[in-house]
Protein backbone atom coordinates (compact mmCIF):
# COMPACT_ATOMS: atom_id res chain seq x y z
CA MET A 1 212.06 54.09 -108.39
CA ILE A 2 209.27 51.54 -108.13
CA PRO A 3 210.20 48.48 -106.01
CA LEU A 4 209.28 45.04 -107.33
CA ARG A 5 210.82 42.50 -104.95
CA ASP A 6 213.93 42.10 -102.85
CA THR A 7 216.71 39.52 -103.11
CA ILE A 8 215.78 37.62 -99.95
CA ARG A 9 214.73 33.99 -100.30
CA LEU A 10 211.53 33.29 -98.38
CA GLU A 11 211.01 30.13 -96.33
CA ARG A 12 207.21 30.32 -96.12
CA TRP A 13 204.19 32.07 -97.54
CA PRO A 14 203.80 35.57 -96.03
CA LEU A 15 200.21 34.97 -94.94
CA VAL A 16 200.04 37.87 -92.49
CA THR A 17 201.38 40.35 -95.04
CA ILE A 18 198.85 39.09 -97.59
CA ALA A 19 196.06 39.43 -95.00
CA LEU A 20 197.15 42.99 -94.14
CA ILE A 21 197.19 43.94 -97.82
CA VAL A 22 193.73 42.47 -98.35
CA GLY A 23 192.52 44.16 -95.16
CA ASN A 24 193.73 47.57 -96.32
CA VAL A 25 192.12 47.18 -99.75
CA VAL A 26 188.81 45.88 -98.35
CA ALA A 27 188.72 48.65 -95.73
CA TYR A 28 189.23 51.23 -98.47
CA LEU A 29 186.41 49.81 -100.56
CA VAL A 30 184.07 49.66 -97.56
CA ALA A 31 184.97 53.24 -96.61
CA ILE A 32 184.20 54.66 -100.05
CA ALA A 33 180.98 52.63 -100.27
CA GLY A 34 179.57 54.92 -97.59
CA GLY A 35 180.47 58.03 -99.59
CA GLY A 36 183.45 59.23 -101.56
CA SER A 37 185.07 57.91 -104.73
CA LEU A 38 187.51 55.23 -105.81
CA ILE A 39 190.20 57.77 -106.74
CA ASP A 40 189.68 60.53 -104.18
CA GLY A 41 188.95 58.26 -101.24
CA PRO A 42 186.32 58.22 -98.50
CA SER A 43 184.09 61.12 -97.58
CA ALA A 44 185.18 63.73 -95.06
CA SER A 45 182.63 62.43 -92.55
CA THR A 46 184.13 58.93 -92.75
CA VAL A 47 187.64 60.33 -92.30
CA VAL A 48 186.60 62.26 -89.19
CA ALA A 49 184.71 59.29 -87.74
CA TYR A 50 187.37 56.61 -88.27
CA GLY A 51 190.60 58.60 -88.49
CA ALA A 52 192.71 59.18 -85.37
CA ILE A 53 192.35 62.82 -84.30
CA PRO A 54 195.02 63.96 -81.79
CA HIS A 55 192.61 66.31 -80.00
CA GLU A 56 190.25 63.42 -79.29
CA LEU A 57 193.08 61.18 -78.09
CA THR A 58 194.38 63.83 -75.67
CA HIS A 59 190.92 65.01 -74.57
CA LEU A 60 189.07 61.73 -74.10
CA SER A 61 185.77 63.39 -73.22
CA SER A 62 185.83 65.36 -76.48
CA HIS A 63 184.47 64.31 -79.87
CA CYS A 64 185.01 65.99 -83.21
CA GLY A 65 182.77 66.57 -86.18
CA LEU A 66 182.52 68.45 -89.45
CA ALA A 67 181.38 72.05 -89.66
CA ALA A 68 180.99 74.45 -92.56
CA ALA A 69 183.70 77.06 -93.05
CA GLY A 70 182.64 79.18 -95.98
CA PHE A 71 182.78 77.01 -99.08
CA SER A 72 184.83 74.29 -97.35
CA GLN A 73 184.60 72.10 -94.28
CA THR A 74 186.57 72.17 -91.07
CA VAL A 75 186.81 69.95 -88.00
CA LEU A 76 185.54 71.24 -84.66
CA CYS A 77 185.69 69.43 -81.34
CA THR A 78 183.62 69.70 -78.20
CA GLY A 79 185.47 71.51 -75.47
CA GLN A 80 187.17 73.95 -77.84
CA ALA A 81 186.61 77.63 -77.13
CA GLY A 82 183.45 78.88 -78.82
CA VAL A 83 182.27 75.43 -79.92
CA ILE A 84 178.73 74.46 -79.01
CA GLY A 85 176.60 71.42 -79.80
CA ARG A 86 177.48 67.74 -79.98
CA ALA A 87 179.28 65.62 -82.55
CA MET A 88 177.41 62.86 -84.34
CA ALA A 89 177.69 59.29 -83.06
CA GLN A 90 181.03 57.72 -83.95
CA PRO A 91 183.36 54.89 -82.86
CA ALA A 92 185.01 55.06 -79.44
CA THR A 93 188.15 57.20 -79.51
CA TRP A 94 190.46 54.29 -78.67
CA GLU A 95 189.10 52.32 -81.63
CA THR A 96 190.23 55.01 -84.07
CA ALA A 97 193.86 54.29 -83.19
CA PHE A 98 193.33 50.97 -84.99
CA THR A 99 190.77 51.86 -87.67
CA SER A 100 192.98 54.74 -88.81
CA MET A 101 195.71 52.24 -89.77
CA PHE A 102 193.43 50.77 -92.43
CA LEU A 103 191.82 54.00 -93.66
CA HIS A 104 193.53 55.76 -96.57
CA ALA A 105 192.97 59.26 -97.88
CA ASN A 106 192.89 58.22 -101.54
CA VAL A 107 193.86 55.46 -103.92
CA LEU A 108 197.39 56.85 -104.41
CA ALA A 109 198.19 56.59 -100.70
CA LEU A 110 196.72 53.08 -100.64
CA ALA A 111 198.76 51.98 -103.68
CA ILE A 112 202.03 53.29 -102.22
CA ASP A 113 201.45 51.59 -98.86
CA VAL A 114 200.42 48.29 -100.45
CA LEU A 115 203.44 48.33 -102.78
CA PHE A 116 206.02 48.90 -100.03
CA LEU A 117 204.29 46.50 -97.64
CA THR A 118 204.39 43.82 -100.33
CA VAL A 119 208.13 44.24 -100.93
CA PHE A 120 209.39 44.73 -97.38
CA GLY A 121 206.68 43.15 -95.26
CA THR A 122 207.00 39.70 -96.82
CA THR A 123 210.68 39.42 -95.93
CA LEU A 124 210.31 40.88 -92.46
CA GLU A 125 207.45 38.48 -91.72
CA ASN A 126 209.69 35.62 -92.81
CA ALA A 127 212.36 36.82 -90.38
CA LEU A 128 210.14 37.55 -87.39
CA GLY A 129 207.51 34.85 -87.74
CA ARG A 130 203.85 35.49 -88.43
CA LEU A 131 202.53 36.40 -84.98
CA ARG A 132 205.61 38.44 -84.07
CA PHE A 133 205.37 40.32 -87.37
CA LEU A 134 201.70 41.10 -86.82
CA ALA A 135 202.46 42.39 -83.31
CA PHE A 136 205.41 44.40 -84.64
CA TYR A 137 203.26 45.95 -87.38
CA ILE A 138 200.42 46.95 -85.05
CA VAL A 139 202.65 48.26 -82.26
CA GLY A 140 204.78 50.12 -84.81
CA GLY A 141 201.68 51.83 -86.15
CA LEU A 142 200.59 52.78 -82.64
CA ALA A 143 204.07 54.09 -81.82
CA SER A 144 204.03 56.25 -84.94
CA LEU A 145 200.62 57.64 -84.01
CA ALA A 146 201.78 58.30 -80.44
CA VAL A 147 204.67 60.43 -81.70
CA ALA A 148 202.36 62.37 -84.04
CA VAL A 149 199.93 63.02 -81.17
CA ALA A 150 202.75 64.07 -78.83
CA VAL A 151 203.99 66.62 -81.40
CA SER A 152 200.53 68.13 -82.04
CA PRO A 153 198.26 67.13 -79.14
CA ASP A 154 195.59 69.72 -79.99
CA SER A 155 195.49 69.06 -83.73
CA THR A 156 192.08 68.33 -85.24
CA ALA A 157 193.54 66.81 -88.42
CA ALA A 158 192.70 63.13 -88.78
CA MET A 159 195.73 60.83 -88.93
CA LEU A 160 195.10 57.94 -91.31
CA GLY A 161 196.89 55.35 -93.41
CA ALA A 162 199.22 52.41 -92.88
CA SER A 163 202.28 54.63 -93.32
CA GLY A 164 203.23 54.61 -89.63
CA ALA A 165 203.24 50.81 -89.47
CA ILE A 166 205.10 50.59 -92.79
CA ALA A 167 207.68 53.08 -91.51
CA ALA A 168 208.31 50.64 -88.66
CA VAL A 169 208.58 47.78 -91.16
CA LEU A 170 211.17 49.73 -93.17
CA GLY A 171 213.19 50.51 -90.05
CA GLY A 172 213.15 46.89 -88.90
CA TYR A 173 214.04 45.64 -92.37
CA LEU A 174 217.11 47.89 -92.56
CA VAL A 175 218.36 46.59 -89.20
CA LEU A 176 218.02 42.92 -90.09
CA PHE A 177 219.02 43.19 -93.75
CA PRO A 178 221.29 46.24 -94.08
CA GLN A 179 222.94 44.99 -97.28
CA ALA A 180 219.81 43.72 -99.01
CA ARG A 181 218.99 44.94 -102.48
CA VAL A 182 215.65 45.40 -104.23
CA LEU A 183 214.78 44.89 -107.87
CA SER A 184 213.27 48.21 -108.91
CA VAL A 185 211.98 49.92 -112.00
CA VAL A 186 214.04 53.09 -112.45
CA LEU A 187 212.06 55.68 -114.37
CA VAL A 188 213.59 58.51 -116.39
CA PRO A 189 211.85 60.57 -119.11
CA PHE A 190 210.95 58.30 -122.06
CA PHE A 191 212.98 55.42 -120.63
CA PHE A 192 212.97 52.88 -117.83
CA ARG A 193 215.13 49.98 -116.73
CA ILE A 194 215.15 47.35 -114.01
CA ALA A 195 218.05 47.56 -111.60
CA GLU A 196 219.08 46.30 -108.17
CA THR A 197 218.76 49.14 -105.69
CA PRO A 198 220.00 49.20 -102.08
CA ALA A 199 217.11 48.76 -99.67
CA TRP A 200 218.06 51.94 -97.81
CA ALA A 201 217.63 53.93 -101.03
CA LEU A 202 214.06 52.63 -101.40
CA ALA A 203 213.35 53.47 -97.76
CA ALA A 204 214.62 57.01 -98.37
CA THR A 205 212.43 57.20 -101.48
CA TRP A 206 209.39 56.21 -99.43
CA VAL A 207 210.11 58.96 -96.88
CA ALA A 208 210.59 61.53 -99.67
CA ILE A 209 207.30 60.51 -101.28
CA TYR A 210 205.36 60.95 -98.04
CA VAL A 211 207.02 64.25 -97.24
CA ALA A 212 205.95 65.51 -100.67
CA LEU A 213 202.42 64.12 -100.36
CA GLY A 214 202.07 65.65 -96.91
CA ALA A 215 203.21 69.05 -98.15
CA LEU A 216 200.63 68.84 -100.94
CA GLU A 217 197.97 67.73 -98.41
CA VAL A 218 197.35 64.56 -100.44
CA THR A 219 197.50 62.37 -97.34
CA THR A 220 195.57 64.82 -95.14
CA PRO A 221 192.28 65.31 -96.97
CA LEU A 222 190.95 67.98 -94.57
CA GLY A 223 194.21 69.90 -94.51
CA GLY A 224 196.74 70.33 -91.72
CA GLY A 225 198.47 67.57 -89.80
CA ALA A 226 201.45 67.37 -92.15
CA THR A 227 204.01 68.31 -89.48
CA ALA A 228 202.65 65.78 -87.00
CA GLY A 229 202.61 63.22 -89.81
CA TYR A 230 206.29 63.81 -90.56
CA TYR A 231 207.23 63.19 -86.94
CA GLY A 232 204.95 60.18 -86.93
CA TYR A 233 206.88 58.64 -89.83
CA LEU A 234 210.15 59.27 -88.00
CA GLY A 235 208.66 57.72 -84.87
CA GLY A 236 207.66 54.63 -86.83
CA VAL A 237 211.12 54.27 -88.36
CA ALA A 238 212.75 54.80 -84.95
CA PHE A 239 210.53 52.13 -83.40
CA GLY A 240 211.50 49.69 -86.17
CA LEU A 241 215.21 50.41 -85.76
CA ILE A 242 215.13 50.03 -81.98
CA ALA A 243 212.56 47.30 -81.38
CA VAL A 244 212.90 44.83 -84.24
CA ARG A 245 215.52 42.62 -82.60
CA GLY A 246 213.22 42.18 -79.63
CA PHE A 247 210.63 40.69 -82.00
CA ALA A 248 213.05 38.65 -84.11
CA ARG A 249 213.46 34.91 -83.96
CA VAL A 250 216.86 33.57 -82.92
CA ARG A 251 217.78 32.63 -86.46
CA ILE A 252 217.57 35.33 -89.13
CA PRO A 253 217.40 34.05 -92.75
CA ARG A 254 220.32 35.03 -94.93
CA TYR A 255 219.85 37.26 -97.89
CA GLY A 256 221.15 36.21 -101.29
CA PRO A 257 220.77 36.68 -105.01
CA LEU A 258 217.56 35.75 -106.77
CA ARG A 259 217.69 32.47 -108.61
CA THR A 260 215.62 31.16 -111.47
CA ALA A 261 214.02 27.79 -111.16
């Protein structure tokens, strides 16, 4: 299923959602400009420098860098047993908690995040208000990362992508609009049709997609980190389910059928 738009009538332009989408796309283009490719994403050195690495976040005096491991590359961090030398200059560790939210492993991960943010973020922004939605999105992403780090505090796999924040958006959306439906393209071999799909089914589809991509190491370009990523997604969804009403305005817009002008 490919979501197109939901059945919620918007009261205003979703300027923050549009800005986040543009920010993610621009960040991707800037990242690959320094090395990498449009399809396969930024270089490994960019991922290590700007991705959020749990080992760095739990060992604040440690920095990680790339090292050769036969015909491939691995990530080593100062302070690990047997590791000598220093990592190359890179952003402060705390900054990577934010830069990682705009850094995607490849164009597929970017496209999926942008698609689901477009469909669900616009409505949630309309319900929360622009500044509250922005705060909800950022804090949701940080909460997702915190869960991933708590699960694998010594992992050297870089966490990256907007998936944690979008998981929070999906959780919040389901709380405020549990009966909402989404116009989706349903694909079957040699055939497709447009149908109204329950929002929860699209949220489940998003989770299934990321579980599959994690297992195939599509979202973790240097390998590993899939387990922490799974828990991170669950942490993002849990944050959205629990916290969204604290961010919501008093009046929540009703959902209703789409109408033609």
